Amino acid sequence: MLDPKYIPLFLGGFIAWMAFVIGVGFFGSRGKREGEKFLTGGSDMNVFLIFCTLGATIIGTGSSIGAIGDGFKAGWGGAIFGLGSALGLLLITTFVSIRRKNFITMSEEAQYYYGGDARVRKLMGFMMFVIEIVWIGNHVNGGSKYLSYVLGLDPAWCKLITVCGFGAYVFIGGYVAVVKADVVQFCAIIGGFTFIAFKAIPLAGGYETIARTFAEHGKAGAMGFYGLGSYGTMAALALVFSTVMGVLGTPTYRTRIYTSRDEKVARRAFLAQGGMMFLWSFITALIGMSAYAIMVQNGDTLASPDYAFSYMATHVLGPAVGLMFLVCGMSATMSSGGSDAISGVTILLTDVVPSVTGRKIPQRHYVLASRIALVVALAIAFVITLFVDDVIAYIQKVVGSLLPGVGVTMLLGRFWRRATWQGAYAAILSGTAFGIAVLLVPSFAEWVRLTFGGPAIPATALAAVSGLMASLLSAPSAATEDERVAAVFAAREGTSAHFARKPAEI
């Protein structure tokens, strides 16, 4: 915990920063808070805005807490999460052509790929909402790490403060508020973390001292290629797989495509951010490695590697720089949480509600409905966080369990026109069933961890095989491109598009 005399400085600084971010979001979203614009911002974002909001989202809890924690315990292993994130962003560039269709959710995109079949949209809509709840929970959990370490408060109270923090500007301004707040927070993240990395390495005695410290404590392998000698090859592959599939299967990143001005804007932003994330991964690893060396030199101990970031802020860098460190870390968590929250609300109102009720929410009710849905989503996520703790373990286990089926479904639909709605169901349900078994059966989870490093690799393989086999055993759709698009927009309105569904000749 921080020296009590500095608690008012840190708490006051955090409150002032969040007030500033909320103000930016509120004033930046004027004119874009009515009807569907509350959720999409008018789908006219330029390269700079998409680049910044992508960066603020992906440099989130996993990067600022989890990756630094991995750097703390496994040296260059702290760069593995960033590698997976970069690969995921680059892979998404193969999907940006979907911007031409003017879809607004990942469920609509999936429905289009699978012959316009509304059954795919319904299942995907449900899965997408669950996935967003999972990610929101991860960000709440991460943000609370900072506050609980600094303030010494009960973790439950810290989680409540965190969820209220990023929920505030989403509630007030919707999607545009999220994007404008992300720009401010992204600049703080990049500037702050880079400054801290350059300051932390000399404080640790330089890179040679850091390497010697790891070697003297039996972690010489941490300084090799991606720290595989310490992290473990299968564990590293599992983290890369879970991260890549997490990016592919998380609606937040697809939302950046749907809300960009055009396909070209989306492609440029994703390519640029993918390259930046690759370079960024080494900065987070260096901060974690520096924190480990400094902790050993000071004779301190940490209850969890996830506290490495907060340890640097409160015990190493001094009050002023430490406050900046805290603001940067909370910005990373808050920006990611806000983005996932607005994506979850969009999916709930655009996909789930029309599928259940058969009616689209009237434009005049959109803002109220969005805010009610936001409160519900945040409340569910908050409850989930009461049962989880470690950030990277959460990503490897929960995200690695639930997202591979969805990621495989999107890949099959995008690149294989022979894929059928039965194949989509088989991929999603088999991958998810495997993941749930991992989450609920400890002995099975341990076997999967020891054999594959985590659930992401086997879940992905099972989903792919199931999707391929089910598609080959069922008749492909004969719907034309225009018919598929018409079916998507009809489903958005809560109706059904009627067109010939004769199977195509094989």
Protein backbone atom coordinates (compact mmCIF):
# COMPACT_ATOMS: atom_id res chain seq x y z
CA MET A 1 0.00 0.00 0.00
CA LEU A 2 1.06 3.58 -0.64
CA ASP A 3 2.38 5.77 2.17
CA PRO A 4 -0.87 7.16 3.68
CA LYS A 5 0.33 10.76 3.35
CA TYR A 6 0.28 10.42 -0.47
CA ILE A 7 -3.16 8.80 -0.73
CA PRO A 8 -5.02 12.16 -1.07
CA LEU A 9 -2.67 13.13 -3.93
CA PHE A 10 -3.24 9.89 -5.83
CA LEU A 11 -6.98 9.77 -5.19
CA GLY A 12 -7.43 13.45 -6.03
CA GLY A 13 -5.33 13.09 -9.18
CA PHE A 14 -7.36 10.11 -10.34
CA ILE A 15 -10.67 11.88 -9.73
CA ALA A 16 -9.45 15.02 -11.54
CA TRP A 17 -8.26 12.98 -14.52
CA MET A 18 -11.55 11.09 -14.80
CA ALA A 19 -13.49 14.36 -14.57
CA PHE A 20 -11.39 15.69 -17.45
CA VAL A 21 -11.96 12.54 -19.55
CA ILE A 22 -15.70 12.61 -18.88
CA GLY A 23 -15.77 16.29 -19.89
CA VAL A 24 -13.94 15.52 -23.15
CA GLY A 25 -16.40 12.75 -23.90
CA PHE A 26 -19.42 14.89 -23.08
CA PHE A 27 -18.47 17.93 -25.14
CA GLY A 28 -16.97 15.85 -27.94
CA SER A 29 -20.18 13.90 -28.45
CA ARG A 30 -22.50 16.88 -28.91
CA GLY A 31 -24.79 16.31 -31.87
CA LYS A 32 -24.10 12.56 -31.89
CA ARG A 33 -26.25 11.48 -28.95
CA GLU A 34 -29.57 10.89 -30.70
CA GLY A 35 -31.03 7.60 -31.95
CA GLU A 36 -28.57 5.08 -33.41
CA LYS A 37 -25.84 7.76 -33.46
CA PHE A 38 -25.57 7.21 -29.71
CA LEU A 39 -24.20 3.74 -30.55
CA THR A 40 -22.35 4.35 -33.83
CA GLY A 41 -21.34 8.02 -33.86
CA GLY A 42 -22.64 8.32 -37.41
CA SER A 43 -20.07 5.77 -38.76
CA ASP A 44 -17.82 8.53 -40.10
CA MET A 45 -14.59 8.22 -38.08
CA ASN A 46 -11.28 9.21 -39.70
CA VAL A 47 -7.92 7.38 -39.57
CA PHE A 48 -6.62 9.33 -36.56
CA LEU A 49 -9.70 8.63 -34.44
CA ILE A 50 -9.84 4.93 -35.38
CA PHE A 51 -6.08 4.54 -34.78
CA CYS A 52 -6.30 6.18 -31.34
CA THR A 53 -9.41 4.35 -30.17
CA LEU A 54 -7.93 1.04 -31.36
CA GLY A 55 -4.74 1.75 -29.46
CA ALA A 56 -6.49 2.84 -26.30
CA THR A 57 -8.62 -0.31 -26.44
CA ILE A 58 -5.92 -2.88 -27.12
CA ILE A 59 -3.36 -1.31 -24.76
CA GLY A 60 -5.73 -2.15 -21.96
CA THR A 61 -5.77 -4.33 -18.89
CA GLY A 62 -3.95 -7.23 -20.52
CA SER A 63 -1.12 -5.00 -21.71
CA SER A 64 -0.75 -2.56 -18.83
CA ILE A 65 -1.17 -5.03 -15.97
CA GLY A 66 -0.95 -8.52 -17.42
CA ALA A 67 1.99 -8.02 -19.78
CA ILE A 68 3.96 -6.01 -17.22
CA GLY A 69 3.21 -8.77 -14.72
CA ASP A 70 4.51 -11.35 -17.19
CA GLY A 71 7.63 -9.24 -17.73
CA PHE A 72 8.05 -9.19 -13.95
CA LYS A 73 8.00 -12.97 -13.66
CA ALA A 74 9.26 -14.12 -17.09
CA GLY A 75 11.38 -11.32 -18.58
CA TRP A 76 10.83 -10.97 -22.32
CA GLY A 77 7.80 -13.23 -21.84
CA GLY A 78 6.04 -9.95 -21.09
CA ALA A 79 6.06 -9.22 -24.84
CA ILE A 80 4.06 -12.35 -25.77
CA PHE A 81 0.67 -10.77 -25.10
CA GLY A 82 1.56 -7.82 -27.34
CA LEU A 83 2.72 -10.17 -30.10
CA GLY A 84 -0.65 -11.94 -30.07
CA SER A 85 -2.48 -8.63 -30.05
CA ALA A 86 -0.47 -7.35 -33.04
CA LEU A 87 -1.10 -10.54 -35.02
CA GLY A 88 -4.80 -10.32 -34.25
CA LEU A 89 -5.02 -6.71 -35.48
CA LEU A 90 -3.15 -7.53 -38.67
CA LEU A 91 -5.40 -10.53 -39.32
CA ILE A 92 -8.50 -8.35 -38.96
CA THR A 93 -7.33 -6.25 -41.91
CA THR A 94 -8.51 -9.13 -44.12
CA PHE A 95 -12.07 -8.37 -42.95
CA VAL A 96 -12.23 -4.60 -43.59
CA SER A 97 -14.00 -4.97 -46.95
CA ILE A 98 -17.18 -5.65 -44.94
CA ARG A 99 -17.35 -1.88 -44.28
CA ARG A 100 -19.02 -1.50 -47.70
CA LYS A 101 -22.11 -3.28 -46.41
CA ASN A 102 -22.87 -0.72 -43.67
CA PHE A 103 -23.33 -3.31 -40.94
CA ILE A 104 -23.00 -2.21 -37.33
CA THR A 105 -22.44 -5.44 -35.37
CA MET A 106 -20.35 -8.56 -35.67
CA SER A 107 -23.54 -10.66 -35.58
CA GLU A 108 -24.75 -8.92 -38.74
CA GLU A 109 -21.43 -9.64 -40.40
CA ALA A 110 -21.65 -13.32 -39.45
CA GLN A 111 -25.23 -13.54 -40.73
CA TYR A 112 -24.09 -12.16 -44.08
CA TYR A 113 -21.26 -14.70 -44.37
CA TYR A 114 -23.61 -17.58 -43.70
CA GLY A 115 -26.21 -17.00 -46.39
CA GLY A 116 -28.15 -14.33 -44.52
CA ASP A 117 -29.48 -16.97 -42.13
CA ALA A 118 -31.01 -15.29 -39.07
CA ARG A 119 -30.22 -18.34 -36.94
CA VAL A 120 -26.53 -17.47 -37.12
CA ARG A 121 -27.27 -13.90 -36.08
CA LYS A 122 -29.28 -15.02 -33.06
CA LEU A 123 -26.59 -17.35 -31.73
CA MET A 124 -23.79 -14.92 -32.49
CA GLY A 125 -25.69 -12.06 -30.87
CA PHE A 126 -26.01 -14.00 -27.65
CA MET A 127 -22.36 -15.09 -27.75
CA MET A 128 -21.14 -11.58 -28.55
CA PHE A 129 -22.98 -10.11 -25.58
CA VAL A 130 -21.55 -12.76 -23.25
CA ILE A 131 -18.05 -12.13 -24.61
CA GLU A 132 -18.34 -8.40 -24.04
CA ILE A 133 -19.45 -9.01 -20.47
CA VAL A 134 -16.36 -11.19 -20.02
CA TRP A 135 -14.07 -8.45 -21.35
CA ILE A 136 -15.73 -5.72 -19.29
CA GLY A 137 -15.16 -7.89 -16.24
CA ASN A 138 -11.49 -8.20 -17.13
CA HIS A 139 -11.09 -4.41 -17.32
CA VAL A 140 -12.94 -3.87 -14.05
CA ASN A 141 -10.71 -6.46 -12.42
CA GLY A 142 -7.60 -4.76 -13.83
CA GLY A 143 -8.56 -1.25 -12.79
CA SER A 144 -9.28 -2.40 -9.29
CA LYS A 145 -5.71 -3.75 -9.05
CA TYR A 146 -4.35 -0.22 -9.18
CA LEU A 147 -6.79 1.21 -6.68
CA SER A 148 -6.62 -1.61 -4.16
CA TYR A 149 -2.82 -1.50 -4.10
CA VAL A 150 -2.64 2.27 -3.86
CA LEU A 151 -5.52 2.93 -1.50
CA GLY A 152 -5.63 -0.31 0.46
CA LEU A 153 -9.40 -0.53 0.02
CA ASP A 154 -11.39 -3.75 -0.21
CA PRO A 155 -11.11 -5.08 -3.81
CA ALA A 156 -14.91 -5.09 -4.19
CA TRP A 157 -15.06 -1.34 -3.53
CA CYS A 158 -12.21 -0.75 -5.97
CA LYS A 159 -14.06 -2.71 -8.65
CA LEU A 160 -17.18 -0.65 -8.03
CA ILE A 161 -15.20 2.60 -8.36
CA THR A 162 -13.62 1.37 -11.59
CA VAL A 163 -16.87 0.31 -13.24
CA CYS A 164 -18.52 3.60 -12.31
CA GLY A 165 -15.52 5.51 -13.68
CA PHE A 166 -15.63 4.32 -17.28
CA GLY A 167 -19.38 3.78 -17.19
CA ALA A 168 -19.89 7.51 -16.57
CA TYR A 169 -18.72 8.89 -19.92
CA VAL A 170 -20.30 6.01 -21.86
CA PHE A 171 -23.60 6.70 -20.13
CA ILE A 172 -23.42 10.41 -20.92
CA GLY A 173 -22.16 10.51 -24.50
CA GLY A 174 -22.33 7.07 -26.11
CA TYR A 175 -19.91 5.92 -28.81
CA VAL A 176 -18.47 9.31 -29.76
CA ALA A 177 -17.75 10.03 -26.10
CA VAL A 178 -15.84 6.74 -25.94
CA VAL A 179 -13.79 7.58 -29.04
CA LYS A 180 -12.98 11.16 -28.00
CA ALA A 181 -12.05 10.02 -24.50
CA ASP A 182 -9.89 7.28 -26.05
CA VAL A 183 -7.88 9.87 -28.00
CA VAL A 184 -6.98 11.70 -24.78
CA GLN A 185 -6.26 8.51 -22.89
CA PHE A 186 -4.23 7.01 -25.75
CA CYS A 187 -1.92 10.04 -25.77
CA ALA A 188 -1.51 9.73 -22.00
CA ILE A 189 -0.78 6.01 -22.27
CA ILE A 190 1.85 6.32 -24.99
CA GLY A 191 3.63 9.34 -23.54
CA GLY A 192 3.46 8.18 -19.95
CA PHE A 193 4.49 4.55 -20.42
CA THR A 194 7.38 5.45 -22.72
CA PHE A 195 8.70 8.03 -20.25
CA ILE A 196 8.36 5.55 -17.39
CA ALA A 197 10.17 2.79 -19.32
CA PHE A 198 13.16 5.05 -19.98
CA LYS A 199 13.17 6.10 -16.32
CA ALA A 200 12.70 2.60 -14.89
CA ILE A 201 15.63 0.91 -16.67
CA PRO A 202 18.31 3.22 -15.16
CA LEU A 203 16.65 2.93 -11.75
CA ALA A 204 17.07 -0.84 -12.02
CA GLY A 205 20.79 -0.38 -12.76
CA GLY A 206 20.61 -0.81 -16.52
CA TYR A 207 19.78 -3.76 -18.73
CA GLU A 208 22.86 -5.76 -17.69
CA THR A 209 21.85 -5.53 -14.04
CA ILE A 210 18.31 -6.60 -14.89
CA ALA A 211 19.60 -9.64 -16.82
CA ARG A 212 22.00 -10.55 -14.00
CA THR A 213 19.19 -10.30 -11.43
CA PHE A 214 17.01 -12.72 -13.37
CA ALA A 215 19.93 -15.13 -13.84
CA GLU A 216 20.90 -15.04 -10.15
CA HIS A 217 17.37 -15.97 -9.18
CA GLY A 218 17.10 -18.97 -11.48
CA LYS A 219 15.38 -17.20 -14.36
CA ALA A 220 18.14 -16.97 -16.96
CA GLY A 221 15.70 -18.28 -19.59
CA ALA A 222 13.59 -15.16 -19.11
CA MET A 223 16.14 -13.11 -21.03
CA GLY A 224 16.08 -15.31 -24.14
CA PHE A 225 13.75 -15.18 -27.13
CA TYR A 226 10.37 -14.06 -25.76
CA GLY A 227 11.43 -15.50 -22.41
CA LEU A 228 10.44 -18.99 -23.55
CA GLY A 229 13.01 -20.60 -21.27
CA SER A 230 11.08 -19.24 -18.31
CA TYR A 231 7.55 -18.80 -19.68
CA GLY A 232 7.32 -22.15 -21.46
CA THR A 233 6.78 -22.72 -25.18
CA MET A 234 3.30 -24.22 -24.93
CA ALA A 235 2.16 -21.59 -22.45
CA ALA A 236 3.42 -18.88 -24.82
CA LEU A 237 1.66 -20.44 -27.83
CA ALA A 238 -1.53 -20.77 -25.80
CA LEU A 239 -1.37 -17.08 -24.84
CA VAL A 240 -0.74 -16.03 -28.44
CA PHE A 241 -3.63 -18.19 -29.65
CA SER A 242 -6.01 -16.94 -26.97
CA THR A 243 -5.03 -13.33 -27.71
CA VAL A 244 -5.35 -13.65 -31.49
CA MET A 245 -8.71 -15.42 -31.20
CA GLY A 246 -9.71 -12.87 -28.59
CA VAL A 247 -9.10 -10.02 -31.04
CA LEU A 248 -10.85 -11.89 -33.87
CA GLY A 249 -13.79 -12.88 -31.71
CA THR A 250 -14.30 -9.63 -29.77
CA PRO A 251 -16.90 -7.24 -31.25
CA THR A 252 -15.05 -4.11 -30.06
CA TYR A 253 -12.41 -4.32 -32.77
CA ARG A 254 -14.98 -5.00 -35.49
CA THR A 255 -16.90 -1.93 -34.33
CA ARG A 256 -13.91 0.15 -35.42
CA ILE A 257 -14.43 -1.17 -38.96
CA TYR A 258 -18.18 -0.48 -38.99
CA THR A 259 -17.78 3.06 -37.66
CA SER A 260 -14.85 4.09 -39.87
CA ARG A 261 -15.45 6.47 -42.76
CA ASP A 262 -14.66 3.80 -45.33
CA GLU A 263 -12.72 0.60 -45.97
CA LYS A 264 -9.46 2.43 -46.69
CA VAL A 265 -9.59 4.27 -43.36
CA ALA A 266 -10.14 1.04 -41.46
CA ARG A 267 -7.29 -0.78 -43.21
CA ARG A 268 -4.78 2.00 -42.59
CA ALA A 269 -5.72 2.30 -38.93
CA PHE A 270 -5.51 -1.45 -38.25
CA LEU A 271 -2.19 -1.88 -40.07
CA ALA A 272 -0.64 1.07 -38.24
CA GLN A 273 -1.91 -0.04 -34.85
CA GLY A 274 -0.81 -3.63 -35.44
CA GLY A 275 2.74 -2.44 -36.10
CA MET A 276 2.68 -0.15 -33.11
CA MET A 277 1.37 -2.88 -30.81
CA PHE A 278 4.25 -5.15 -31.81
CA LEU A 279 6.79 -2.47 -30.82
CA TRP A 280 4.79 -1.52 -27.73
CA SER A 281 4.97 -5.07 -26.37
CA PHE A 282 8.67 -4.65 -25.64
CA ILE A 283 8.08 -1.49 -23.61
CA THR A 284 5.67 -3.24 -21.25
CA ALA A 285 8.06 -6.16 -20.89
CA LEU A 286 10.94 -3.80 -20.00
CA ILE A 287 8.84 -2.08 -17.34
CA GLY A 288 7.99 -5.42 -15.76
CA MET A 289 11.61 -6.59 -15.89
CA SER A 290 12.78 -3.34 -14.30
CA ALA A 291 10.18 -3.69 -11.56
CA TYR A 292 11.47 -7.19 -10.73
CA ALA A 293 15.09 -6.07 -10.51
CA ILE A 294 14.20 -3.07 -8.34
CA MET A 295 12.04 -5.19 -6.04
CA VAL A 296 14.89 -7.68 -5.52
CA GLN A 297 17.38 -4.87 -4.86
CA ASN A 298 15.04 -3.28 -2.31
CA GLY A 299 14.32 -6.59 -0.60
CA ASP A 300 10.58 -6.22 -1.20
CA THR A 301 8.00 -8.86 -2.12
CA LEU A 302 4.75 -8.68 -4.07
CA ALA A 303 1.65 -10.75 -3.46
CA SER A 304 1.08 -11.01 -7.21
CA PRO A 305 2.98 -10.06 -10.41
CA ASP A 306 -0.13 -8.05 -11.33
CA TYR A 307 0.97 -5.52 -8.70
CA ALA A 308 4.29 -4.82 -10.47
CA PHE A 309 2.82 -1.79 -12.23
CA SER A 310 1.38 -0.33 -9.04
CA TYR A 311 4.60 -1.09 -7.14
CA MET A 312 6.56 1.06 -9.58
CA ALA A 313 4.07 3.90 -9.22
CA THR A 314 3.93 3.94 -5.46
CA HIS A 315 7.35 2.81 -4.22
CA VAL A 316 9.89 3.59 -6.94
CA LEU A 317 9.12 6.63 -9.05
CA GLY A 318 8.13 9.18 -6.44
CA PRO A 319 4.75 10.85 -5.95
CA ALA A 320 4.63 13.03 -9.08
CA VAL A 321 5.79 10.41 -11.60
CA GLY A 322 3.93 7.73 -9.69
CA LEU A 323 0.70 9.67 -10.10
CA MET A 324 1.34 9.87 -13.85
CA PHE A 325 1.97 6.13 -13.82
CA LEU A 326 -1.35 5.51 -12.11
CA VAL A 327 -3.20 7.81 -14.52
CA CYS A 328 -1.66 6.02 -17.53
CA GLY A 329 -2.54 2.61 -16.16
CA MET A 330 -6.10 3.57 -15.29
CA SER A 331 -6.46 5.19 -18.72
CA ALA A 332 -5.51 1.92 -20.36
CA THR A 333 -8.08 0.04 -18.33
CA MET A 334 -10.84 2.65 -18.55
CA SER A 335 -10.55 3.14 -22.32
CA SER A 336 -10.79 -0.59 -22.94
CA GLY A 337 -13.70 -0.94 -20.54
CA GLY A 338 -15.64 1.91 -22.14
CA SER A 339 -15.15 0.49 -25.64
CA ASP A 340 -16.32 -2.97 -24.64
CA ALA A 341 -19.28 -1.51 -22.77
CA ILE A 342 -20.61 0.43 -25.77
CA SER A 343 -20.06 -2.58 -28.06
CA GLY A 344 -21.97 -4.81 -25.67
CA VAL A 345 -24.88 -2.38 -25.54
CA THR A 346 -24.96 -2.11 -29.34
CA ILE A 347 -25.13 -5.89 -29.68
CA LEU A 348 -27.82 -6.20 -27.04
CA LEU A 349 -30.08 -3.58 -28.64
CA THR A 350 -29.36 -4.31 -32.32
CA ASP A 351 -29.13 -8.11 -32.29
CA VAL A 352 -30.44 -9.68 -29.11
CA VAL A 353 -33.57 -7.59 -28.48
CA PRO A 354 -34.94 -7.74 -32.08
CA SER A 355 -34.25 -11.50 -32.15
CA VAL A 356 -36.23 -12.03 -28.96
CA THR A 357 -39.05 -9.51 -29.43
CA GLY A 358 -39.31 -9.47 -33.25
CA ARG A 359 -39.26 -5.65 -33.17
CA LYS A 360 -36.65 -2.95 -33.52
CA ILE A 361 -36.33 -0.40 -30.74
CA PRO A 362 -37.80 2.93 -31.95
CA GLN A 363 -35.28 5.69 -32.64
CA ARG A 364 -36.81 7.95 -30.00
CA HIS A 365 -36.20 5.30 -27.33
CA TYR A 366 -32.64 4.38 -28.32
CA VAL A 367 -30.74 6.59 -25.90
CA LEU A 368 -32.83 5.59 -22.87
CA ALA A 369 -32.70 1.93 -23.83
CA SER A 370 -28.94 2.18 -24.36
CA ARG A 371 -28.37 3.64 -20.92
CA ILE A 372 -30.55 1.02 -19.23
CA ALA A 373 -28.70 -1.72 -21.13
CA LEU A 374 -25.36 -0.20 -20.10
CA VAL A 375 -26.26 -0.30 -16.42
CA VAL A 376 -27.37 -3.93 -16.75
CA ALA A 377 -24.19 -4.97 -18.60
CA LEU A 378 -21.91 -3.24 -16.10
CA ALA A 379 -23.79 -4.74 -13.16
CA ILE A 380 -23.41 -8.27 -14.56
CA ALA A 381 -19.72 -7.73 -15.27
CA PHE A 382 -19.16 -6.35 -11.77
CA VAL A 383 -20.69 -9.45 -10.18
CA ILE A 384 -18.46 -11.71 -12.31
CA THR A 385 -15.32 -9.89 -11.17
CA LEU A 386 -16.06 -10.79 -7.57
CA PHE A 387 -14.95 -14.33 -8.45
CA VAL A 388 -11.77 -13.66 -10.49
CA ASP A 389 -8.38 -12.13 -9.78
CA ASP A 390 -5.26 -12.73 -11.93
CA VAL A 391 -5.43 -10.75 -15.20
CA ILE A 392 -3.40 -12.90 -17.62
CA ALA A 393 -4.80 -16.11 -16.12
CA TYR A 394 -8.26 -14.64 -16.74
CA ILE A 395 -7.38 -13.98 -20.39
CA GLN A 396 -5.78 -17.38 -20.91
CA LYS A 397 -8.52 -19.34 -19.18
CA VAL A 398 -11.80 -17.47 -19.67
CA VAL A 399 -11.11 -15.70 -22.96
CA GLY A 400 -9.14 -18.67 -24.30
CA SER A 401 -12.09 -20.90 -23.46
CA LEU A 402 -15.00 -18.87 -24.82
CA LEU A 403 -13.70 -17.01 -27.90
CA PRO A 404 -12.07 -19.64 -30.17
CA GLY A 405 -15.43 -20.97 -31.42
CA VAL A 406 -16.55 -17.49 -32.41
CA GLY A 407 -13.20 -16.61 -33.99
CA VAL A 408 -13.17 -19.80 -36.07
CA THR A 409 -16.75 -19.14 -37.20
CA MET A 410 -15.80 -15.71 -38.50
CA LEU A 411 -12.74 -17.07 -40.31
CA LEU A 412 -14.67 -19.89 -41.97
CA GLY A 413 -17.47 -17.57 -43.04
CA ARG A 414 -15.08 -14.96 -44.41
CA PHE A 415 -12.79 -17.26 -46.40
CA TRP A 416 -14.90 -20.30 -47.28
CA ARG A 417 -18.11 -19.71 -49.22
CA ARG A 418 -19.04 -23.38 -48.74
CA ALA A 419 -19.54 -22.80 -45.00
CA THR A 420 -23.14 -23.29 -43.84
CA TRP A 421 -25.18 -22.16 -40.88
CA GLN A 422 -24.90 -25.70 -39.51
CA GLY A 423 -21.12 -25.33 -39.66
CA ALA A 424 -21.33 -22.04 -37.80
CA TYR A 425 -23.40 -23.64 -35.05
CA ALA A 426 -21.06 -26.62 -34.84
CA ALA A 427 -17.97 -24.42 -34.53
CA ILE A 428 -19.47 -22.11 -31.92
CA LEU A 429 -21.11 -24.79 -29.80
CA SER A 430 -18.21 -27.26 -29.87
CA GLY A 431 -15.61 -24.62 -29.07
CA THR A 432 -17.75 -23.12 -26.32
CA ALA A 433 -18.63 -26.52 -24.83
CA PHE A 434 -14.94 -27.38 -24.64
CA GLY A 435 -14.25 -24.04 -22.98
CA ILE A 436 -17.01 -24.46 -20.43
CA ALA A 437 -15.68 -27.92 -19.56
CA VAL A 438 -12.27 -26.35 -18.91
CA LEU A 439 -13.83 -23.70 -16.68
CA LEU A 440 -16.00 -26.13 -14.70
CA VAL A 441 -13.88 -29.28 -14.38
CA PRO A 442 -10.61 -28.60 -12.50
CA SER A 443 -8.98 -31.94 -13.35
CA PHE A 444 -9.71 -31.48 -17.06
CA ALA A 445 -8.47 -27.90 -16.93
CA GLU A 446 -5.19 -29.04 -15.36
CA TRP A 447 -4.70 -31.68 -18.07
CA VAL A 448 -5.35 -29.09 -20.77
CA ARG A 449 -2.90 -26.69 -19.15
CA LEU A 450 -0.14 -29.26 -18.87
CA THR A 451 -0.69 -30.62 -22.39
CA PHE A 452 -1.51 -27.51 -24.41
CA GLY A 453 -0.55 -24.60 -22.14
CA GLY A 454 -4.21 -23.52 -21.98
CA PRO A 455 -7.56 -24.10 -23.70
CA ALA A 456 -7.10 -21.81 -26.74
CA ILE A 457 -5.25 -24.24 -29.04
CA PRO A 458 -7.45 -27.35 -28.56
CA ALA A 459 -10.64 -25.26 -28.52
CA THR A 460 -9.64 -23.63 -31.83
CA ALA A 461 -8.79 -27.00 -33.42
CA LEU A 462 -12.03 -28.60 -32.24
CA ALA A 463 -14.14 -25.67 -33.46
CA ALA A 464 -12.41 -25.69 -36.87
CA VAL A 465 -12.86 -29.44 -37.42
CA SER A 466 -16.49 -29.31 -36.26
CA GLY A 467 -17.29 -26.33 -38.49
CA LEU A 468 -15.68 -27.93 -41.53
CA MET A 469 -17.35 -31.30 -41.07
CA ALA A 470 -20.82 -29.89 -40.39
CA SER A 471 -20.57 -27.61 -43.44
CA LEU A 472 -19.51 -30.47 -45.71
CA LEU A 473 -22.39 -32.62 -44.46
CA SER A 474 -25.03 -29.93 -45.08
CA ALA A 475 -26.23 -28.15 -48.21
CA PRO A 476 -24.76 -24.68 -48.88
CA SER A 477 -27.01 -21.66 -49.22
CA ALA A 478 -27.95 -20.45 -52.70
CA ALA A 479 -28.71 -16.90 -51.54
CA THR A 480 -27.13 -14.19 -53.65
CA GLU A 481 -25.06 -11.38 -52.15
CA ASP A 482 -27.96 -8.95 -52.44
CA GLU A 483 -30.29 -11.42 -50.75
CA ARG A 484 -27.88 -11.92 -47.88
CA VAL A 485 -27.54 -8.19 -47.33
CA ALA A 486 -31.33 -7.77 -47.48
CA ALA A 487 -31.74 -10.52 -44.88
CA VAL A 488 -29.32 -8.76 -42.51
CA PHE A 489 -31.16 -5.44 -42.67
CA ALA A 490 -34.52 -7.17 -42.34
CA ALA A 491 -33.31 -8.88 -39.18
CA ARG A 492 -32.13 -5.52 -37.83
CA GLU A 493 -35.69 -4.25 -38.23
CA GLY A 494 -37.05 -7.31 -36.44
CA THR A 495 -38.55 -8.83 -39.60
CA SER A 496 -37.57 -11.64 -41.94
CA ALA A 497 -36.45 -11.35 -45.54
CA HIS A 498 -38.18 -13.94 -47.69
CA PHE A 499 -36.15 -15.30 -50.55
CA ALA A 500 -35.51 -18.66 -52.11
CA ARG A 501 -33.42 -20.85 -49.86
CA LYS A 502 -32.85 -23.69 -52.29
CA PRO A 503 -29.54 -25.39 -51.65
CA ALA A 504 -26.84 -24.64 -54.13
CA GLU A 505 -25.67 -27.39 -56.44
CA ILE A 506 -22.57 -29.07 -55.16
